[in-house]
Amino acid sequence: MFGRDRRGTPADLLVIGMGNPGAEYDGSRHNVGAETVALLAKRHGAALGKSREKALTCEVRIGDKRVALAFPTTYYNEAGSAARLLVNRYGIEDASQVVVVHDELDLPVGRMKVKHGGGLAGNNGLRSIKAHLKTDEFVRIRIGVDKPVNVLRGADHVLRKPSKSDRAELDVVVEEAADAVELIATDGIERAMERYNRRGERD
């Protein structure tokens, strides 16, 4: 299925920033992936715009690589339908060329890890992407948002805006996540994992 319907020059990398559309979700924990993609577009002088692939998209150059950036305008748990269309549009030939940036309950706020393939840790958005791409061998950049400390369910926790102190930490880690995407583009996934997965704690 990969790359069969590309219109134009293929991209070297497709970066999908996870989140929910709509102003009410801006700044929520669930939208840190979307924030990362928006930051990358800004850094490289581009702007995300509507596309036929159920996403806001743009293309940028990172080093000598052509990188497609996308924020699905489906809801988070249905992102796979957009991912499938994006893979076709951008001529992606291998799942390792897809980088999904998402919030991660199993990491504390301020932590980030890069992962290639593997389990989905109950993340319904990743499950949707796996179902539509027929593989889980895509790359993930996992941004820690921590588990809720009270009786809030995980869904309520991620849909809420973080505290001021958590927001400050998330702003820093979103910058780091954008750095990680750039490193994947220029030096590859192994180099990014080496750099960003050093800090202790087990996945």
N, C-alpha and C. Protein backbone atom coordinates (compact mmCIF):
# COMPACT_ATOMS: atom_id res chain seq x y z
N MET A 1 0.81 -1.21 0.00
CA MET A 1 0.00 0.00 0.00
C MET A 1 0.84 1.26 0.00
N PHE A 2 2.10 1.13 0.40
CA PHE A 2 2.92 2.32 0.58
C PHE A 2 3.27 2.97 -0.75
N GLY A 3 2.94 4.28 -0.84
CA GLY A 3 3.40 5.10 -1.95
C GLY A 3 2.74 4.91 -3.28
N ARG A 4 1.62 4.22 -3.34
CA ARG A 4 1.08 3.86 -4.65
C ARG A 4 0.44 5.02 -5.40
N ASP A 5 -0.02 6.05 -4.68
CA ASP A 5 -0.77 7.12 -5.33
C ASP A 5 -0.07 8.48 -5.28
N ARG A 6 1.24 8.47 -5.11
CA ARG A 6 1.96 9.75 -5.00
C ARG A 6 1.75 10.63 -6.21
N ARG A 7 1.48 11.90 -5.94
CA ARG A 7 1.38 12.91 -7.00
C ARG A 7 2.56 13.86 -6.84
N GLY A 8 3.65 13.63 -7.59
CA GLY A 8 4.83 14.49 -7.49
C GLY A 8 5.99 13.78 -6.83
N THR A 9 6.97 14.56 -6.39
CA THR A 9 8.19 14.00 -5.81
C THR A 9 7.92 13.41 -4.43
N PRO A 10 8.36 12.17 -4.19
CA PRO A 10 8.13 11.56 -2.87
C PRO A 10 8.85 12.31 -1.75
N ALA A 11 8.29 12.25 -0.56
CA ALA A 11 8.95 12.79 0.63
C ALA A 11 9.86 11.73 1.22
N ASP A 12 10.92 12.18 1.89
CA ASP A 12 11.81 11.25 2.57
C ASP A 12 11.25 10.83 3.93
N LEU A 13 10.44 11.72 4.50
CA LEU A 13 9.91 11.48 5.84
C LEU A 13 8.52 12.10 5.92
N LEU A 14 7.61 11.42 6.59
CA LEU A 14 6.28 11.94 6.89
C LEU A 14 6.15 12.03 8.40
N VAL A 15 5.92 13.23 8.92
CA VAL A 15 5.80 13.45 10.36
C VAL A 15 4.35 13.78 10.68
N ILE A 16 3.72 12.94 11.49
CA ILE A 16 2.32 13.12 11.86
C ILE A 16 2.26 13.55 13.33
N GLY A 17 1.74 14.73 13.57
CA GLY A 17 1.57 15.24 14.93
C GLY A 17 0.16 14.97 15.41
N MET A 18 0.05 14.19 16.48
CA MET A 18 -1.26 13.77 16.96
C MET A 18 -1.94 14.85 17.80
N GLY A 19 -3.27 14.89 17.73
CA GLY A 19 -4.04 15.84 18.50
C GLY A 19 -5.48 15.84 18.04
N ASN A 20 -6.28 16.66 18.63
CA ASN A 20 -7.68 16.83 18.23
C ASN A 20 -7.84 18.20 17.58
N PRO A 21 -8.67 18.28 16.53
CA PRO A 21 -8.94 19.59 15.91
C PRO A 21 -9.89 20.42 16.79
N GLY A 22 -9.84 21.71 16.61
CA GLY A 22 -10.76 22.58 17.35
C GLY A 22 -10.07 23.37 18.43
N ALA A 23 -10.47 24.64 18.57
CA ALA A 23 -9.83 25.55 19.52
C ALA A 23 -9.91 25.06 20.95
N GLU A 24 -10.96 24.29 21.28
CA GLU A 24 -11.12 23.84 22.67
C GLU A 24 -10.02 22.87 23.10
N TYR A 25 -9.31 22.28 22.12
CA TYR A 25 -8.25 21.33 22.45
C TYR A 25 -6.85 21.95 22.38
N ASP A 26 -6.75 23.18 21.88
CA ASP A 26 -5.45 23.84 21.80
C ASP A 26 -4.83 23.92 23.20
N GLY A 27 -3.58 23.55 23.30
CA GLY A 27 -2.88 23.63 24.58
C GLY A 27 -3.12 22.47 25.51
N SER A 28 -3.95 21.50 25.09
CA SER A 28 -4.19 20.32 25.94
C SER A 28 -3.01 19.35 25.84
N ARG A 29 -2.93 18.45 26.80
CA ARG A 29 -1.86 17.45 26.77
C ARG A 29 -1.93 16.59 25.51
N HIS A 30 -3.14 16.32 25.06
CA HIS A 30 -3.34 15.45 23.90
C HIS A 30 -2.80 16.05 22.61
N ASN A 31 -2.55 17.36 22.61
CA ASN A 31 -2.18 18.04 21.37
C ASN A 31 -0.70 18.39 21.27
N VAL A 32 0.13 17.81 22.13
CA VAL A 32 1.56 18.15 22.07
C VAL A 32 2.20 17.68 20.76
N GLY A 33 1.67 16.61 20.17
CA GLY A 33 2.19 16.16 18.87
C GLY A 33 1.89 17.19 17.79
N ALA A 34 0.66 17.69 17.78
CA ALA A 34 0.28 18.72 16.82
C ALA A 34 1.12 19.98 17.02
N GLU A 35 1.41 20.33 18.28
CA GLU A 35 2.25 21.49 18.56
C GLU A 35 3.65 21.31 17.97
N THR A 36 4.17 20.09 18.05
CA THR A 36 5.51 19.81 17.52
C THR A 36 5.56 20.03 16.01
N VAL A 37 4.55 19.55 15.32
CA VAL A 37 4.48 19.71 13.86
C VAL A 37 4.35 21.19 13.49
N ALA A 38 3.52 21.92 14.23
CA ALA A 38 3.36 23.37 13.97
C ALA A 38 4.68 24.10 14.20
N LEU A 39 5.41 23.70 15.24
CA LEU A 39 6.70 24.33 15.52
C LEU A 39 7.70 24.05 14.40
N LEU A 40 7.73 22.81 13.92
CA LEU A 40 8.64 22.47 12.81
C LEU A 40 8.31 23.29 11.56
N ALA A 41 7.03 23.43 11.27
CA ALA A 41 6.64 24.25 10.11
C ALA A 41 7.14 25.68 10.28
N LYS A 42 6.95 26.24 11.47
CA LYS A 42 7.38 27.61 11.74
C LYS A 42 8.90 27.74 11.62
N ARG A 43 9.63 26.80 12.20
CA ARG A 43 11.09 26.84 12.14
C ARG A 43 11.61 26.88 10.71
N HIS A 44 10.91 26.20 9.82
CA HIS A 44 11.40 26.05 8.45
C HIS A 44 10.63 26.92 7.46
N GLY A 45 9.96 27.95 8.00
CA GLY A 45 9.34 28.97 7.16
C GLY A 45 8.15 28.51 6.35
N ALA A 46 7.42 27.53 6.87
CA ALA A 46 6.25 27.01 6.16
C ALA A 46 5.00 27.20 7.01
N ALA A 47 3.86 26.94 6.42
CA ALA A 47 2.59 27.04 7.15
C ALA A 47 1.73 25.84 6.79
N LEU A 48 1.12 25.25 7.80
CA LEU A 48 0.22 24.12 7.57
C LEU A 48 -1.07 24.62 6.93
N GLY A 49 -1.52 23.91 5.90
CA GLY A 49 -2.76 24.28 5.23
C GLY A 49 -3.63 23.06 4.98
N LYS A 50 -4.90 23.30 4.71
CA LYS A 50 -5.84 22.20 4.49
C LYS A 50 -5.46 21.39 3.26
N SER A 51 -5.69 20.08 3.37
CA SER A 51 -5.43 19.18 2.24
C SER A 51 -6.59 18.21 2.10
N ARG A 52 -6.57 17.45 1.02
CA ARG A 52 -7.63 16.46 0.78
C ARG A 52 -7.42 15.19 1.61
N GLU A 53 -6.33 15.14 2.33
CA GLU A 53 -5.97 13.94 3.09
C GLU A 53 -6.43 13.98 4.56
N LYS A 54 -7.49 14.73 4.85
CA LYS A 54 -8.02 14.83 6.22
C LYS A 54 -6.96 15.34 7.17
N ALA A 55 -6.18 16.32 6.72
CA ALA A 55 -5.07 16.83 7.55
C ALA A 55 -4.68 18.22 7.10
N LEU A 56 -4.05 18.95 8.03
CA LEU A 56 -3.33 20.17 7.68
C LEU A 56 -1.91 19.73 7.34
N THR A 57 -1.38 20.18 6.22
CA THR A 57 -0.08 19.68 5.76
C THR A 57 0.80 20.79 5.19
N CYS A 58 2.08 20.50 5.15
CA CYS A 58 3.04 21.31 4.39
C CYS A 58 4.29 20.46 4.18
N GLU A 59 5.17 20.93 3.31
CA GLU A 59 6.45 20.25 3.10
C GLU A 59 7.59 21.22 3.40
N VAL A 60 8.63 20.71 4.03
CA VAL A 60 9.81 21.53 4.35
C VAL A 60 11.06 20.76 3.97
N ARG A 61 12.18 21.48 3.92
CA ARG A 61 13.49 20.86 3.73
C ARG A 61 14.22 20.86 5.06
N ILE A 62 14.70 19.70 5.46
CA ILE A 62 15.55 19.59 6.65
C ILE A 62 16.84 18.94 6.19
N GLY A 63 17.92 19.74 6.15
CA GLY A 63 19.14 19.27 5.50
C GLY A 63 18.84 19.05 4.03
N ASP A 64 19.15 17.87 3.52
CA ASP A 64 18.85 17.59 2.12
C ASP A 64 17.61 16.72 1.97
N LYS A 65 16.82 16.62 3.04
CA LYS A 65 15.64 15.76 3.03
C LYS A 65 14.35 16.54 2.84
N ARG A 66 13.47 15.95 2.07
CA ARG A 66 12.13 16.51 1.90
C ARG A 66 11.24 15.89 2.97
N VAL A 67 10.67 16.73 3.84
CA VAL A 67 9.90 16.26 4.99
C VAL A 67 8.48 16.80 4.90
N ALA A 68 7.52 15.89 4.92
CA ALA A 68 6.11 16.27 4.95
C ALA A 68 5.64 16.34 6.40
N LEU A 69 4.98 17.42 6.76
CA LEU A 69 4.45 17.61 8.11
C LEU A 69 2.93 17.57 8.04
N ALA A 70 2.30 16.89 8.99
CA ALA A 70 0.85 16.77 8.95
C ALA A 70 0.24 16.73 10.34
N PHE A 71 -0.92 17.37 10.46
CA PHE A 71 -1.75 17.29 11.66
C PHE A 71 -3.12 16.80 11.20
N PRO A 72 -3.46 15.53 11.48
CA PRO A 72 -4.77 15.01 11.07
C PRO A 72 -5.92 15.83 11.65
N THR A 73 -6.90 16.14 10.82
CA THR A 73 -8.08 16.88 11.28
C THR A 73 -9.22 15.93 11.62
N THR A 74 -8.94 14.63 11.59
CA THR A 74 -9.84 13.65 12.19
C THR A 74 -9.69 13.83 13.70
N TYR A 75 -10.50 13.16 14.48
CA TYR A 75 -10.21 13.13 15.90
C TYR A 75 -9.06 12.16 16.15
N TYR A 76 -8.40 12.35 17.27
CA TYR A 76 -7.18 11.61 17.63
C TYR A 76 -7.31 10.11 17.38
N ASN A 77 -8.40 9.52 17.86
CA ASN A 77 -8.56 8.06 17.79
C ASN A 77 -8.86 7.54 16.40
N GLU A 78 -9.04 8.45 15.43
CA GLU A 78 -9.34 8.05 14.05
C GLU A 78 -8.24 8.50 13.09
N ALA A 79 -7.05 8.79 13.63
CA ALA A 79 -5.97 9.36 12.82
C ALA A 79 -5.47 8.43 11.72
N GLY A 80 -5.73 7.14 11.87
CA GLY A 80 -5.25 6.19 10.87
C GLY A 80 -5.79 6.44 9.47
N SER A 81 -7.03 6.90 9.37
CA SER A 81 -7.61 7.15 8.04
C SER A 81 -6.85 8.26 7.32
N ALA A 82 -6.44 9.29 8.08
CA ALA A 82 -5.61 10.34 7.50
C ALA A 82 -4.21 9.82 7.19
N ALA A 83 -3.64 9.02 8.09
CA ALA A 83 -2.29 8.49 7.89
C ALA A 83 -2.20 7.70 6.59
N ARG A 84 -3.21 6.89 6.31
CA ARG A 84 -3.19 6.10 5.08
C ARG A 84 -3.18 7.01 3.85
N LEU A 85 -4.00 8.03 3.84
CA LEU A 85 -4.05 8.96 2.71
C LEU A 85 -2.74 9.73 2.58
N LEU A 86 -2.16 10.12 3.70
CA LEU A 86 -0.90 10.87 3.68
C LEU A 86 0.25 10.03 3.15
N VAL A 87 0.31 8.77 3.57
CA VAL A 87 1.35 7.86 3.08
C VAL A 87 1.28 7.74 1.56
N ASN A 88 0.07 7.64 1.04
CA ASN A 88 -0.09 7.56 -0.41
C ASN A 88 0.29 8.87 -1.10
N ARG A 89 -0.19 9.97 -0.54
CA ARG A 89 0.10 11.26 -1.17
C ARG A 89 1.59 11.52 -1.27
N TYR A 90 2.32 11.20 -0.20
CA TYR A 90 3.74 11.56 -0.15
C TYR A 90 4.68 10.44 -0.58
N GLY A 91 4.13 9.39 -1.17
CA GLY A 91 4.97 8.36 -1.75
C GLY A 91 5.85 7.65 -0.74
N ILE A 92 5.35 7.47 0.47
CA ILE A 92 6.14 6.80 1.52
C ILE A 92 6.18 5.31 1.22
N GLU A 93 7.38 4.77 1.14
CA GLU A 93 7.55 3.38 0.72
C GLU A 93 7.83 2.41 1.87
N ASP A 94 8.10 2.95 3.04
CA ASP A 94 8.45 2.09 4.18
C ASP A 94 7.91 2.72 5.45
N ALA A 95 7.40 1.89 6.36
CA ALA A 95 6.82 2.42 7.60
C ALA A 95 7.82 3.19 8.44
N SER A 96 9.12 2.88 8.33
CA SER A 96 10.13 3.58 9.11
C SER A 96 10.31 5.03 8.66
N GLN A 97 9.68 5.41 7.53
CA GLN A 97 9.70 6.81 7.08
C GLN A 97 8.56 7.62 7.70
N VAL A 98 7.71 6.96 8.49
CA VAL A 98 6.59 7.64 9.15
C VAL A 98 6.97 7.87 10.62
N VAL A 99 6.92 9.13 11.05
CA VAL A 99 7.22 9.49 12.44
C VAL A 99 5.94 10.05 13.05
N VAL A 100 5.45 9.40 14.10
CA VAL A 100 4.24 9.86 14.79
C VAL A 100 4.65 10.48 16.12
N VAL A 101 4.28 11.74 16.32
CA VAL A 101 4.60 12.46 17.57
C VAL A 101 3.34 12.49 18.41
N HIS A 102 3.43 11.96 19.64
CA HIS A 102 2.21 11.83 20.45
C HIS A 102 2.50 11.97 21.94
N ASP A 103 1.44 12.24 22.69
CA ASP A 103 1.52 12.31 24.15
C ASP A 103 1.60 10.90 24.72
N GLU A 104 2.26 10.78 25.87
CA GLU A 104 2.52 9.46 26.46
C GLU A 104 2.26 9.50 27.97
N LEU A 105 1.23 8.78 28.41
CA LEU A 105 0.89 8.73 29.83
C LEU A 105 1.96 8.02 30.65
N ASP A 106 2.69 7.10 30.04
CA ASP A 106 3.67 6.30 30.78
C ASP A 106 5.02 6.99 30.98
N LEU A 107 5.13 8.22 30.54
CA LEU A 107 6.34 9.01 30.80
C LEU A 107 5.97 10.25 31.60
N PRO A 108 6.82 10.65 32.54
CA PRO A 108 6.53 11.87 33.31
C PRO A 108 6.63 13.12 32.44
N VAL A 109 5.99 14.16 32.88
CA VAL A 109 6.05 15.44 32.17
C VAL A 109 7.51 15.87 32.03
N GLY A 110 7.86 16.31 30.84
CA GLY A 110 9.23 16.76 30.61
C GLY A 110 10.14 15.70 30.04
N ARG A 111 9.69 14.44 30.00
CA ARG A 111 10.49 13.37 29.41
C ARG A 111 10.04 13.11 27.98
N MET A 112 10.96 12.61 27.18
CA MET A 112 10.64 12.27 25.79
C MET A 112 11.46 11.06 25.39
N LYS A 113 10.87 10.17 24.63
CA LYS A 113 11.60 9.03 24.11
C LYS A 113 11.27 8.81 22.65
N VAL A 114 12.25 8.27 21.93
CA VAL A 114 12.08 7.93 20.53
C VAL A 114 12.03 6.41 20.43
N LYS A 115 11.06 5.91 19.69
CA LYS A 115 10.86 4.46 19.63
C LYS A 115 10.56 4.06 18.19
N HIS A 116 11.08 2.91 17.78
CA HIS A 116 10.81 2.39 16.44
C HIS A 116 10.00 1.11 16.57
N GLY A 117 8.73 1.16 16.16
CA GLY A 117 7.87 -0.01 16.23
C GLY A 117 7.52 -0.39 17.65
N GLY A 118 6.98 -1.60 17.82
CA GLY A 118 6.66 -2.09 19.16
C GLY A 118 5.21 -1.88 19.55
N GLY A 119 4.94 -2.07 20.84
CA GLY A 119 3.58 -2.01 21.36
C GLY A 119 2.95 -0.63 21.28
N LEU A 120 1.65 -0.59 21.52
CA LEU A 120 0.88 0.64 21.38
C LEU A 120 0.48 1.24 22.72
N ALA A 121 0.75 0.53 23.82
CA ALA A 121 0.51 1.01 25.19
C ALA A 121 -0.90 1.57 25.38
N GLY A 122 -1.89 0.95 24.73
CA GLY A 122 -3.27 1.38 24.91
C GLY A 122 -3.64 2.67 24.22
N ASN A 123 -2.77 3.19 23.36
CA ASN A 123 -3.03 4.46 22.68
C ASN A 123 -3.91 4.19 21.45
N ASN A 124 -5.14 4.67 21.51
CA ASN A 124 -6.10 4.37 20.43
C ASN A 124 -5.75 5.05 19.11
N GLY A 125 -5.07 6.19 19.18
CA GLY A 125 -4.64 6.85 17.96
C GLY A 125 -3.59 6.01 17.24
N LEU A 126 -2.62 5.49 17.99
CA LEU A 126 -1.61 4.61 17.39
C LEU A 126 -2.25 3.32 16.88
N ARG A 127 -3.23 2.82 17.60
CA ARG A 127 -3.93 1.61 17.17
C ARG A 127 -4.62 1.85 15.82
N SER A 128 -5.21 3.02 15.65
CA SER A 128 -5.86 3.37 14.39
C SER A 128 -4.84 3.44 13.25
N ILE A 129 -3.69 4.03 13.53
CA ILE A 129 -2.65 4.13 12.50
C ILE A 129 -2.16 2.73 12.11
N LYS A 130 -1.93 1.88 13.10
CA LYS A 130 -1.50 0.51 12.80
C LYS A 130 -2.55 -0.21 11.95
N ALA A 131 -3.81 -0.05 12.28
CA ALA A 131 -4.88 -0.74 11.55
C ALA A 131 -4.93 -0.30 10.09
N HIS A 132 -4.74 0.99 9.85
CA HIS A 132 -4.82 1.51 8.48
C HIS A 132 -3.55 1.29 7.67
N LEU A 133 -2.39 1.32 8.32
CA LEU A 133 -1.14 1.10 7.60
C LEU A 133 -0.75 -0.38 7.56
N LYS A 134 -1.48 -1.21 8.31
CA LYS A 134 -1.22 -2.66 8.37
C LYS A 134 0.16 -2.98 8.93
N THR A 135 0.69 -2.13 9.79
CA THR A 135 1.99 -2.35 10.41
C THR A 135 2.13 -1.45 11.63
N ASP A 136 2.96 -1.89 12.59
CA ASP A 136 3.28 -1.01 13.72
C ASP A 136 4.74 -0.57 13.67
N GLU A 137 5.37 -0.73 12.51
CA GLU A 137 6.80 -0.44 12.39
C GLU A 137 7.11 1.02 12.08
N PHE A 138 6.18 1.91 12.42
CA PHE A 138 6.46 3.34 12.27
C PHE A 138 7.22 3.82 13.50
N VAL A 139 7.84 4.98 13.38
CA VAL A 139 8.63 5.59 14.46
C VAL A 139 7.69 6.43 15.33
N ARG A 140 7.93 6.41 16.64
CA ARG A 140 7.13 7.25 17.55
C ARG A 140 8.06 8.17 18.33
N ILE A 141 7.66 9.40 18.49
CA ILE A 141 8.30 10.32 19.43
C ILE A 141 7.27 10.53 20.54
N ARG A 142 7.60 10.02 21.72
CA ARG A 142 6.67 9.94 22.85
C ARG A 142 6.96 11.09 23.82
N ILE A 143 6.00 11.97 23.97
CA ILE A 143 6.16 13.13 24.85
C ILE A 143 5.39 12.87 26.15
N GLY A 144 6.12 12.83 27.26
CA GLY A 144 5.50 12.50 28.55
C GLY A 144 4.52 13.55 29.03
N VAL A 145 3.33 13.10 29.41
CA VAL A 145 2.33 13.99 30.01
C VAL A 145 1.90 13.47 31.39
N ASP A 146 2.49 12.35 31.81
CA ASP A 146 2.26 11.75 33.13
C ASP A 146 0.84 11.20 33.26
N LYS A 147 0.70 10.27 34.19
CA LYS A 147 -0.62 9.71 34.48
C LYS A 147 -1.36 10.63 35.45
N PRO A 148 -2.69 10.61 35.42
CA PRO A 148 -3.45 11.44 36.36
C PRO A 148 -3.19 11.01 37.80
N VAL A 149 -3.10 11.97 38.70
CA VAL A 149 -2.80 11.66 40.10
C VAL A 149 -4.06 11.41 40.93
N ASN A 150 -5.22 11.70 40.36
CA ASN A 150 -6.47 11.48 41.10
C ASN A 150 -7.36 10.52 40.33
N VAL A 151 -8.64 10.58 40.53
CA VAL A 151 -9.54 9.61 39.92
C VAL A 151 -9.89 9.90 38.46
N LEU A 152 -9.36 10.98 37.94
CA LEU A 152 -9.62 11.27 36.53
C LEU A 152 -9.18 10.10 35.66
N ARG A 153 -9.98 9.75 34.70
CA ARG A 153 -9.55 8.75 33.72
C ARG A 153 -8.48 9.38 32.83
N GLY A 154 -7.69 8.53 32.19
CA GLY A 154 -6.63 9.02 31.30
C GLY A 154 -7.15 9.95 30.23
N ALA A 155 -8.33 9.63 29.68
CA ALA A 155 -8.90 10.45 28.61
C ALA A 155 -9.19 11.86 29.11
N ASP A 156 -9.75 11.98 30.30
CA ASP A 156 -10.04 13.30 30.86
C ASP A 156 -8.74 14.07 31.12
N HIS A 157 -7.75 13.36 31.60
CA HIS A 157 -6.46 13.96 31.91
C HIS A 157 -5.82 14.57 30.66
N VAL A 158 -5.77 13.80 29.58
CA VAL A 158 -5.06 14.30 28.38
C VAL A 158 -5.84 15.39 27.67
N LEU A 159 -7.15 15.42 27.84
CA LEU A 159 -7.94 16.45 27.15
C LEU A 159 -7.94 17.78 27.88
N ARG A 160 -7.46 17.77 29.12
CA ARG A 160 -7.41 19.02 29.89
C ARG A 160 -6.09 19.76 29.66
N LYS A 161 -6.14 21.06 29.90
CA LYS A 161 -4.92 21.84 29.81
C LYS A 161 -4.07 21.59 31.06
N PRO A 162 -2.76 21.51 30.91
CA PRO A 162 -1.90 21.26 32.06
C PRO A 162 -1.76 22.48 32.96
N SER A 163 -1.21 22.26 34.16
CA SER A 163 -0.91 23.37 35.06
C SER A 163 0.15 24.27 34.44
N LYS A 164 0.32 25.44 35.00
CA LYS A 164 1.31 26.39 34.47
C LYS A 164 2.72 25.80 34.49
N SER A 165 3.07 25.11 35.56
CA SER A 165 4.42 24.53 35.65
C SER A 165 4.60 23.39 34.66
N ASP A 166 3.57 22.55 34.52
CA ASP A 166 3.64 21.46 33.53
C ASP A 166 3.69 22.03 32.11
N ARG A 167 2.94 23.11 31.88
CA ARG A 167 2.94 23.73 30.56
C ARG A 167 4.34 24.22 30.19
N ALA A 168 5.02 24.80 31.16
CA ALA A 168 6.39 25.28 30.91
C ALA A 168 7.30 24.12 30.53
N GLU A 169 7.15 22.98 31.21
CA GLU A 169 7.97 21.81 30.89
C GLU A 169 7.61 21.24 29.53
N LEU A 170 6.32 21.23 29.21
CA LEU A 170 5.89 20.72 27.91
C LEU A 170 6.39 21.60 26.77
N ASP A 171 6.43 22.91 26.98
CA ASP A 171 6.98 23.80 25.96
C ASP A 171 8.42 23.44 25.62
N VAL A 172 9.19 23.10 26.66
CA VAL A 172 10.59 22.71 26.46
C VAL A 172 10.67 21.39 25.70
N VAL A 173 9.86 20.41 26.10
CA VAL A 173 9.96 19.08 25.48
C VAL A 173 9.39 19.08 24.06
N VAL A 174 8.45 19.96 23.75
CA VAL A 174 7.99 20.10 22.37
C VAL A 174 9.13 20.59 21.48
N GLU A 175 9.92 21.52 22.00
CA GLU A 175 11.12 21.97 21.25
C GLU A 175 12.07 20.80 21.04
N GLU A 176 12.25 19.98 22.09
CA GLU A 176 13.12 18.80 22.00
C GLU A 176 12.59 17.80 20.98
N ALA A 177 11.28 17.62 20.96
CA ALA A 177 10.68 16.69 20.00
C ALA A 177 10.91 17.17 18.57
N ALA A 178 10.82 18.48 18.37
CA ALA A 178 11.11 19.03 17.03
C ALA A 178 12.58 18.80 16.68
N ASP A 179 13.46 18.97 17.66
CA ASP A 179 14.89 18.69 17.44
C ASP A 179 15.08 17.23 17.04
N ALA A 180 14.34 16.33 17.71
CA ALA A 180 14.46 14.90 17.44
C ALA A 180 14.03 14.57 16.01
N VAL A 181 12.95 15.19 15.55
CA VAL A 181 12.52 14.99 14.16
C VAL A 181 13.62 15.43 13.21
N GLU A 182 14.21 16.59 13.48
CA GLU A 182 15.28 17.08 12.61
C GLU A 182 16.47 16.13 12.59
N LEU A 183 16.79 15.55 13.75
CA LEU A 183 17.91 14.60 13.83
C LEU A 183 17.59 13.32 13.08
N ILE A 184 16.35 12.85 13.18
CA ILE A 184 15.95 11.67 12.41
C ILE A 184 16.11 11.94 10.92
N ALA A 185 15.70 13.12 10.49
CA ALA A 185 15.80 13.47 9.07
C ALA A 185 17.25 13.51 8.60
N THR A 186 18.13 14.07 9.40
CA THR A 186 19.51 14.28 8.95
C THR A 186 20.43 13.11 9.25
N ASP A 187 20.22 12.46 10.43
CA ASP A 187 21.17 11.44 10.87
C ASP A 187 20.57 10.05 11.07
N GLY A 188 19.25 9.94 11.02
CA GLY A 188 18.60 8.64 11.14
C GLY A 188 18.05 8.34 12.52
N ILE A 189 17.19 7.34 12.57
CA ILE A 189 16.47 6.98 13.79
C ILE A 189 17.42 6.50 14.89
N GLU A 190 18.43 5.72 14.53
CA GLU A 190 19.33 5.18 15.56
C GLU A 190 20.04 6.30 16.31
N ARG A 191 20.47 7.29 15.59
CA ARG A 191 21.16 8.43 16.22
C ARG A 191 20.21 9.17 17.15
N ALA A 192 18.97 9.34 16.73
CA ALA A 192 17.99 10.04 17.57
C ALA A 192 17.69 9.23 18.83
N MET A 193 17.55 7.92 18.71
CA MET A 193 17.30 7.09 19.89
C MET A 193 18.47 7.15 20.86
N GLU A 194 19.66 7.14 20.30
CA GLU A 194 20.89 7.22 21.10
C GLU A 194 20.91 8.51 21.93
N ARG A 195 20.56 9.60 21.29
CA ARG A 195 20.63 10.90 21.96
C ARG A 195 19.51 11.10 22.98
N TYR A 196 18.29 10.74 22.62
CA TYR A 196 17.15 11.14 23.44
C TYR A 196 16.65 10.07 24.40
N ASN A 197 17.14 8.85 24.27
CA ASN A 197 16.67 7.78 25.17
C ASN A 197 17.64 7.46 26.28
N ARG A 198 18.64 8.27 26.46
CA ARG A 198 19.68 8.01 27.45
C ARG A 198 19.21 8.10 28.88
N ARG A 199 18.27 9.02 29.10
CA ARG A 199 17.96 9.39 30.50
C ARG A 199 17.16 8.33 31.22
N GLY A 200 17.87 7.39 31.80
CA GLY A 200 17.35 6.39 32.75
C GLY A 200 16.07 5.69 32.37
N GLU A 201 15.14 5.77 33.23
CA GLU A 201 13.86 5.11 33.33
C GLU A 201 13.47 4.18 32.18
N ARG A 202 12.99 3.04 32.58
CA ARG A 202 12.53 2.01 31.66
C ARG A 202 11.26 2.47 30.96
N ASP A 203 11.12 2.09 29.65
CA ASP A 203 9.88 2.39 28.92
C ASP A 203 8.69 1.68 29.57
